[in-house]
Amino acid sequence: MVDTSKQWDEFYKKKGDYLVELSQNHFMNKEYRKCLELLNQAYTMYKKGICNEDMEKTKKRFNEIKQTHFKKND
């Protein structure tokens, strides 16, 4: 049986990269909620592909946008 795990990891990395790029487009159009949805999906793809550095970058970006554009009224 052929081990395809490396190919799957590469697929998840590419999919995550695409979703991050797409989220930037929505961010520039001030569609922040959609941007967060895409970043969340990208995080999941990176997690499946075991891309720890990309996971951290995506999580950080998600939190920055959330804190800046979705502040709670205390």
PDB file of N, CA and C in Angstrom:
ATOM      1  N   MET A   1       0.843  -1.179   0.000  1.00  0.00           N
ATOM      2  CA  MET A   1       0.000   0.000   0.000  1.00  0.00           C
ATOM      3  C   MET A   1       0.891   1.246   0.000  1.00  0.00           C
ATOM      4  N   VAL A   2       0.501   2.242  -0.751  1.00  0.00           N
ATOM      5  CA  VAL A   2       1.269   3.471  -0.893  1.00  0.00           C
ATOM      6  C   VAL A   2       0.897   4.442   0.225  1.00  0.00           C
ATOM      7  N   ASP A   3       1.903   5.044   0.841  1.00  0.00           N
ATOM      8  CA  ASP A   3       1.674   6.033   1.895  1.00  0.00           C
ATOM      9  C   ASP A   3       1.438   7.397   1.245  1.00  0.00           C
ATOM     10  N   THR A   4       0.234   7.917   1.385  1.00  0.00           N
ATOM     11  CA  THR A   4      -0.116   9.205   0.776  1.00  0.00           C
ATOM     12  C   THR A   4      -0.225  10.328   1.806  1.00  0.00           C
ATOM     13  N   SER A   5       0.210  10.082   3.030  1.00  0.00           N
ATOM     14  CA  SER A   5       0.046  11.085   4.082  1.00  0.00           C
ATOM     15  C   SER A   5       0.775  12.388   3.756  1.00  0.00           C
ATOM     16  N   LYS A   6       1.942  12.293   3.135  1.00  0.00           N
ATOM     17  CA  LYS A   6       2.680  13.509   2.779  1.00  0.00           C
ATOM     18  C   LYS A   6       1.896  14.326   1.754  1.00  0.00           C
ATOM     19  N   GLN A   7       1.275  13.653   0.810  1.00  0.00           N
ATOM     20  CA  GLN A   7       0.469  14.348  -0.194  1.00  0.00           C
ATOM     21  C   GLN A   7      -0.729  15.045   0.448  1.00  0.00           C
ATOM     22  N   TRP A   8      -1.335  14.385   1.424  1.00  0.00           N
ATOM     23  CA  TRP A   8      -2.459  15.009   2.122  1.00  0.00           C
ATOM     24  C   TRP A   8      -1.995  16.235   2.892  1.00  0.00           C
ATOM     25  N   ASP A   9      -0.842  16.141   3.550  1.00  0.00           N
ATOM     26  CA  ASP A   9      -0.303  17.288   4.279  1.00  0.00           C
ATOM     27  C   ASP A   9      -0.074  18.464   3.338  1.00  0.00           C
ATOM     28  N   GLU A  10       0.468  18.185   2.156  1.00  0.00           N
ATOM     29  CA  GLU A  10       0.699  19.240   1.162  1.00  0.00           C
ATOM     30  C   GLU A  10      -0.619  19.838   0.681  1.00  0.00           C
ATOM     31  N   PHE A  11      -1.614  18.982   0.486  1.00  0.00           N
ATOM     32  CA  PHE A  11      -2.933  19.454   0.068  1.00  0.00           C
ATOM     33  C   PHE A  11      -3.526  20.392   1.115  1.00  0.00           C
ATOM     34  N   TYR A  12      -3.490  19.994   2.382  1.00  0.00           N
ATOM     35  CA  TYR A  12      -4.046  20.818   3.452  1.00  0.00           C
ATOM     36  C   TYR A  12      -3.301  22.146   3.564  1.00  0.00           C
ATOM     37  N   LYS A  13      -1.993  22.131   3.372  1.00  0.00           N
ATOM     38  CA  LYS A  13      -1.194  23.364   3.405  1.00  0.00           C
ATOM     39  C   LYS A  13      -1.625  24.293   2.276  1.00  0.00           C
ATOM     40  N   LYS A  14      -1.741  23.764   1.069  1.00  0.00           N
ATOM     41  CA  LYS A  14      -2.155  24.584  -0.077  1.00  0.00           C
ATOM     42  C   LYS A  14      -3.568  25.128   0.112  1.00  0.00           C
ATOM     43  N   LYS A  15      -4.451  24.300   0.619  1.00  0.00           N
ATOM     44  CA  LYS A  15      -5.832  24.724   0.859  1.00  0.00           C
ATOM     45  C   LYS A  15      -5.865  25.829   1.911  1.00  0.00           C
ATOM     46  N   GLY A  16      -5.088  25.673   2.974  1.00  0.00           N
ATOM     47  CA  GLY A  16      -5.001  26.703   4.004  1.00  0.00           C
ATOM     48  C   GLY A  16      -4.456  28.002   3.449  1.00  0.00           C
ATOM     49  N   ASP A  17      -3.403  27.920   2.642  1.00  0.00           N
ATOM     50  CA  ASP A  17      -2.820  29.115   2.025  1.00  0.00           C
ATOM     51  C   ASP A  17      -3.849  29.835   1.155  1.00  0.00           C
ATOM     52  N   TYR A  18      -4.597  29.068   0.389  1.00  0.00           N
ATOM     53  CA  TYR A  18      -5.630  29.645  -0.474  1.00  0.00           C
ATOM     54  C   TYR A  18      -6.692  30.366   0.362  1.00  0.00           C
ATOM     55  N   LEU A  19      -7.129  29.741   1.446  1.00  0.00           N
ATOM     56  CA  LEU A  19      -8.158  30.341   2.291  1.00  0.00           C
ATOM     57  C   LEU A  19      -7.661  31.619   2.961  1.00  0.00           C
ATOM     58  N   VAL A  20      -6.398  31.641   3.367  1.00  0.00           N
ATOM     59  CA  VAL A  20      -5.823  32.854   3.963  1.00  0.00           C
ATOM     60  C   VAL A  20      -5.791  33.973   2.918  1.00  0.00           C
ATOM     61  N   GLU A  21      -5.372  33.633   1.713  1.00  0.00           N
ATOM     62  CA  GLU A  21      -5.328  34.620   0.634  1.00  0.00           C
ATOM     63  C   GLU A  21      -6.729  35.158   0.332  1.00  0.00           C
ATOM     64  N   LEU A  22      -7.696  34.280   0.285  1.00  0.00           N
ATOM     65  CA  LEU A  22      -9.078  34.675   0.045  1.00  0.00           C
ATOM     66  C   LEU A  22      -9.597  35.558   1.182  1.00  0.00           C
ATOM     67  N   SER A  23      -9.210  35.243   2.403  1.00  0.00           N
ATOM     68  CA  SER A  23      -9.652  36.045   3.545  1.00  0.00           C
ATOM     69  C   SER A  23      -9.112  37.470   3.451  1.00  0.00           C
ATOM     70  N   GLN A  24      -7.903  37.630   2.907  1.00  0.00           N
ATOM     71  CA  GLN A  24      -7.323  38.965   2.745  1.00  0.00           C
ATOM     72  C   GLN A  24      -8.175  39.798   1.790  1.00  0.00           C
ATOM     73  N   ASN A  25      -8.683  39.175   0.752  1.00  0.00           N
ATOM     74  CA  ASN A  25      -9.547  39.872  -0.193  1.00  0.00           C
ATOM     75  C   ASN A  25     -10.804  40.378   0.517  1.00  0.00           C
ATOM     76  N   HIS A  26     -11.409  39.539   1.328  1.00  0.00           N
ATOM     77  CA  HIS A  26     -12.604  39.940   2.075  1.00  0.00           C
ATOM     78  C   HIS A  26     -12.266  41.010   3.107  1.00  0.00           C
ATOM     79  N   PHE A  27     -11.098  40.930   3.710  1.00  0.00           N
ATOM     80  CA  PHE A  27     -10.676  41.939   4.679  1.00  0.00           C
ATOM     81  C   PHE A  27     -10.573  43.305   4.004  1.00  0.00           C
ATOM     82  N   MET A  28      -9.963  43.336   2.825  1.00  0.00           N
ATOM     83  CA  MET A  28      -9.795  44.600   2.113  1.00  0.00           C
ATOM     84  C   MET A  28     -11.137  45.173   1.663  1.00  0.00           C
ATOM     85  N   ASN A  29     -12.135  44.322   1.505  1.00  0.00           N
ATOM     86  CA  ASN A  29     -13.490  44.767   1.168  1.00  0.00           C
ATOM     87  C   ASN A  29     -14.335  45.021   2.415  1.00  0.00           C
ATOM     88  N   LYS A  30     -13.701  44.995   3.570  1.00  0.00           N
ATOM     89  CA  LYS A  30     -14.341  45.239   4.869  1.00  0.00           C
ATOM     90  C   LYS A  30     -15.448  44.234   5.179  1.00  0.00           C
ATOM     91  N   GLU A  31     -15.270  43.013   4.707  1.00  0.00           N
ATOM     92  CA  GLU A  31     -16.184  41.910   5.010  1.00  0.00           C
ATOM     93  C   GLU A  31     -15.534  41.076   6.113  1.00  0.00           C
ATOM     94  N   TYR A  32     -15.519  41.639   7.314  1.00  0.00           N
ATOM     95  CA  TYR A  32     -14.742  41.066   8.411  1.00  0.00           C
ATOM     96  C   TYR A  32     -15.279  39.723   8.890  1.00  0.00           C
ATOM     97  N   ARG A  33     -16.583  39.582   8.904  1.00  0.00           N
ATOM     98  CA  ARG A  33     -17.159  38.316   9.372  1.00  0.00           C
ATOM     99  C   ARG A  33     -16.769  37.163   8.436  1.00  0.00           C
ATOM    100  N   LYS A  34     -16.853  37.405   7.131  1.00  0.00           N
ATOM    101  CA  LYS A  34     -16.460  36.383   6.151  1.00  0.00           C
ATOM    102  C   LYS A  34     -14.966  36.104   6.254  1.00  0.00           C
ATOM    103  N   CYS A  35     -14.193  37.144   6.492  1.00  0.00           N
ATOM    104  CA  CYS A  35     -12.745  36.996   6.669  1.00  0.00           C
ATOM    105  C   CYS A  35     -12.449  36.053   7.833  1.00  0.00           C
ATOM    106  N   LEU A  36     -13.140  36.239   8.942  1.00  0.00           N
ATOM    107  CA  LEU A  36     -12.937  35.371  10.109  1.00  0.00           C
ATOM    108  C   LEU A  36     -13.353  33.932   9.817  1.00  0.00           C
ATOM    109  N   GLU A  37     -14.433  33.761   9.076  1.00  0.00           N
ATOM    110  CA  GLU A  37     -14.866  32.406   8.708  1.00  0.00           C
ATOM    111  C   GLU A  37     -13.782  31.694   7.901  1.00  0.00           C
ATOM    112  N   LEU A  38     -13.209  32.406   6.943  1.00  0.00           N
ATOM    113  CA  LEU A  38     -12.175  31.812   6.091  1.00  0.00           C
ATOM    114  C   LEU A  38     -10.903  31.516   6.876  1.00  0.00           C
ATOM    115  N   LEU A  39     -10.533  32.412   7.782  1.00  0.00           N
ATOM    116  CA  LEU A  39      -9.351  32.163   8.611  1.00  0.00           C
ATOM    117  C   LEU A  39      -9.569  30.952   9.511  1.00  0.00           C
ATOM    118  N   ASN A  40     -10.777  30.795  10.008  1.00  0.00           N
ATOM    119  CA  ASN A  40     -11.097  29.630  10.832  1.00  0.00           C
ATOM    120  C   ASN A  40     -10.967  28.340  10.016  1.00  0.00           C
ATOM    121  N   GLN A  41     -11.444  28.375   8.779  1.00  0.00           N
ATOM    122  CA  GLN A  41     -11.315  27.209   7.900  1.00  0.00           C
ATOM    123  C   GLN A  41      -9.848  26.930   7.582  1.00  0.00           C
ATOM    124  N   ALA A  42      -9.080  27.997   7.360  1.00  0.00           N
ATOM    125  CA  ALA A  42      -7.647  27.837   7.071  1.00  0.00           C
ATOM    126  C   ALA A  42      -6.945  27.204   8.262  1.00  0.00           C
ATOM    127  N   TYR A  43      -7.288  27.644   9.460  1.00  0.00           N
ATOM    128  CA  TYR A  43      -6.697  27.084  10.674  1.00  0.00           C
ATOM    129  C   TYR A  43      -6.948  25.575  10.730  1.00  0.00           C
ATOM    130  N   THR A  44      -8.165  25.175  10.402  1.00  0.00           N
ATOM    131  CA  THR A  44      -8.514  23.750  10.397  1.00  0.00           C
ATOM    132  C   THR A  44      -7.685  22.979   9.374  1.00  0.00           C
ATOM    133  N   MET A  45      -7.499  23.559   8.194  1.00  0.00           N
ATOM    134  CA  MET A  45      -6.688  22.898   7.157  1.00  0.00           C
ATOM    135  C   MET A  45      -5.237  22.759   7.619  1.00  0.00           C
ATOM    136  N   TYR A  46      -4.692  23.817   8.192  1.00  0.00           N
ATOM    137  CA  TYR A  46      -3.315  23.760   8.691  1.00  0.00           C
ATOM    138  C   TYR A  46      -3.180  22.724   9.804  1.00  0.00           C
ATOM    139  N   LYS A  47      -4.204  22.633  10.641  1.00  0.00           N
ATOM    140  CA  LYS A  47      -4.183  21.650  11.726  1.00  0.00           C
ATOM    141  C   LYS A  47      -4.164  20.232  11.162  1.00  0.00           C
ATOM    142  N   LYS A  48      -4.969  19.984  10.142  1.00  0.00           N
ATOM    143  CA  LYS A  48      -4.994  18.661   9.509  1.00  0.00           C
ATOM    144  C   LYS A  48      -3.666  18.341   8.840  1.00  0.00           C
ATOM    145  N   GLY A  49      -3.016  19.368   8.290  1.00  0.00           N
ATOM    146  CA  GLY A  49      -1.747  19.181   7.597  1.00  0.00           C
ATOM    147  C   GLY A  49      -0.538  19.304   8.495  1.00  0.00           C
ATOM    148  N   ILE A  50      -0.775  19.459   9.791  1.00  0.00           N
ATOM    149  CA  ILE A  50       0.285  19.586  10.797  1.00  0.00           C
ATOM    150  C   ILE A  50       1.260  20.714  10.415  1.00  0.00           C
ATOM    151  N   CYS A  51       0.702  21.888  10.140  1.00  0.00           N
ATOM    152  CA  CYS A  51       1.487  23.082   9.798  1.00  0.00           C
ATOM    153  C   CYS A  51       1.428  24.040  10.987  1.00  0.00           C
ATOM    154  N   ASN A  52       2.205  23.732  12.023  1.00  0.00           N
ATOM    155  CA  ASN A  52       2.101  24.457  13.285  1.00  0.00           C
ATOM    156  C   ASN A  52       2.381  25.949  13.163  1.00  0.00           C
ATOM    157  N   GLU A  53       3.392  26.318  12.400  1.00  0.00           N
ATOM    158  CA  GLU A  53       3.732  27.733  12.259  1.00  0.00           C
ATOM    159  C   GLU A  53       2.589  28.498  11.581  1.00  0.00           C
ATOM    160  N   ASP A  54       2.026  27.918  10.543  1.00  0.00           N
ATOM    161  CA  ASP A  54       0.903  28.547   9.846  1.00  0.00           C
ATOM    162  C   ASP A  54      -0.330  28.612  10.739  1.00  0.00           C
ATOM    163  N   MET A  55      -0.526  27.593  11.564  1.00  0.00           N
ATOM    164  CA  MET A  55      -1.646  27.604  12.508  1.00  0.00           C
ATOM    165  C   MET A  55      -1.536  28.796  13.441  1.00  0.00           C
ATOM    166  N   GLU A  56      -0.345  29.019  13.984  1.00  0.00           N
ATOM    167  CA  GLU A  56      -0.142  30.121  14.925  1.00  0.00           C
ATOM    168  C   GLU A  56      -0.346  31.479  14.259  1.00  0.00           C
ATOM    169  N   LYS A  57       0.188  31.642  13.051  1.00  0.00           N
ATOM    170  CA  LYS A  57       0.014  32.905  12.317  1.00  0.00           C
ATOM    171  C   LYS A  57      -1.463  33.174  12.047  1.00  0.00           C
ATOM    172  N   THR A  58      -2.174  32.134  11.646  1.00  0.00           N
ATOM    173  CA  THR A  58      -3.595  32.274  11.319  1.00  0.00           C
ATOM    174  C   THR A  58      -4.403  32.596  12.569  1.00  0.00           C
ATOM    175  N   LYS A  59      -4.098  31.932  13.653  1.00  0.00           N
ATOM    176  CA  LYS A  59      -4.794  32.189  14.919  1.00  0.00           C
ATOM    177  C   LYS A  59      -4.552  33.620  15.384  1.00  0.00           C
ATOM    178  N   LYS A  60      -3.319  34.077  15.255  1.00  0.00           N
ATOM    179  CA  LYS A  60      -2.970  35.444  15.656  1.00  0.00           C
ATOM    180  C   LYS A  60      -3.735  36.457  14.810  1.00  0.00           C
ATOM    181  N   ARG A  61      -3.771  36.241  13.510  1.00  0.00           N
ATOM    182  CA  ARG A  61      -4.489  37.144  12.602  1.00  0.00           C
ATOM    183  C   ARG A  61      -5.980  37.141  12.921  1.00  0.00           C
ATOM    184  N   PHE A  62      -6.550  35.975  13.166  1.00  0.00           N
ATOM    185  CA  PHE A  62      -7.963  35.848  13.528  1.00  0.00           C
ATOM    186  C   PHE A  62      -8.270  36.689  14.766  1.00  0.00           C
ATOM    187  N   ASN A  63      -7.443  36.538  15.791  1.00  0.00           N
ATOM    188  CA  ASN A  63      -7.664  37.265  17.042  1.00  0.00           C
ATOM    189  C   ASN A  63      -7.499  38.767  16.872  1.00  0.00           C
ATOM    190  N   GLU A  64      -6.537  39.189  16.050  1.00  0.00           N
ATOM    191  CA  GLU A  64      -6.339  40.624  15.794  1.00  0.00           C
ATOM    192  C   GLU A  64      -7.581  41.235  15.154  1.00  0.00           C
ATOM    193  N   ILE A  65      -8.108  40.572  14.147  1.00  0.00           N
ATOM    194  CA  ILE A  65      -9.292  41.088  13.448  1.00  0.00           C
ATOM    195  C   ILE A  65     -10.499  41.080  14.377  1.00  0.00           C
ATOM    196  N   LYS A  66     -10.654  40.013  15.117  1.00  0.00           N
ATOM    197  CA  LYS A  66     -11.789  39.897  16.038  1.00  0.00           C
ATOM    198  C   LYS A  66     -11.757  41.005  17.087  1.00  0.00           C
ATOM    199  N   GLN A  67     -10.589  41.254  17.660  1.00  0.00           N
ATOM    200  CA  GLN A  67     -10.472  42.282  18.695  1.00  0.00           C
ATOM    201  C   GLN A  67     -10.656  43.684  18.126  1.00  0.00           C
ATOM    202  N   THR A  68     -10.189  43.905  16.918  1.00  0.00           N
ATOM    203  CA  THR A  68     -10.263  45.233  16.318  1.00  0.00           C
ATOM    204  C   THR A  68     -11.661  45.567  15.813  1.00  0.00           C
ATOM    205  N   HIS A  69     -12.324  44.621  15.186  1.00  0.00           N
ATOM    206  CA  HIS A  69     -13.580  44.911  14.500  1.00  0.00           C
ATOM    207  C   HIS A  69     -14.823  44.348  15.184  1.00  0.00           C
ATOM    208  N   PHE A  70     -14.651  43.568  16.223  1.00  0.00           N
ATOM    209  CA  PHE A  70     -15.792  42.989  16.933  1.00  0.00           C
ATOM    210  C   PHE A  70     -15.617  43.156  18.439  1.00  0.00           C
ATOM    211  N   LYS A  71     -15.424  44.396  18.855  1.00  0.00           N
ATOM    212  CA  LYS A  71     -15.240  44.679  20.280  1.00  0.00           C
ATOM    213  C   LYS A  71     -16.567  44.510  21.008  1.00  0.00           C
ATOM    214  N   LYS A  72     -16.481  43.957  22.217  1.00  0.00           N
ATOM    215  CA  LYS A  72     -17.671  43.824  23.053  1.00  0.00           C
ATOM    216  C   LYS A  72     -17.929  45.160  23.736  1.00  0.00           C
ATOM    217  N   ASN A  73     -19.192  45.493  23.881  1.00  0.00           N
ATOM    218  CA  ASN A  73     -19.566  46.719  24.586  1.00  0.00           C
ATOM    219  C   ASN A  73     -19.730  46.417  26.062  1.00  0.00           C
ATOM    220  N   ASP A  74     -18.721  46.772  26.840  1.00  0.00           N
ATOM    221  CA  ASP A  74     -18.772  46.510  28.285  1.00  0.00           C
ATOM    222  C   ASP A  74     -19.326  47.692  29.024  1.00  0.00           C
TER     223      ASP A  74
END
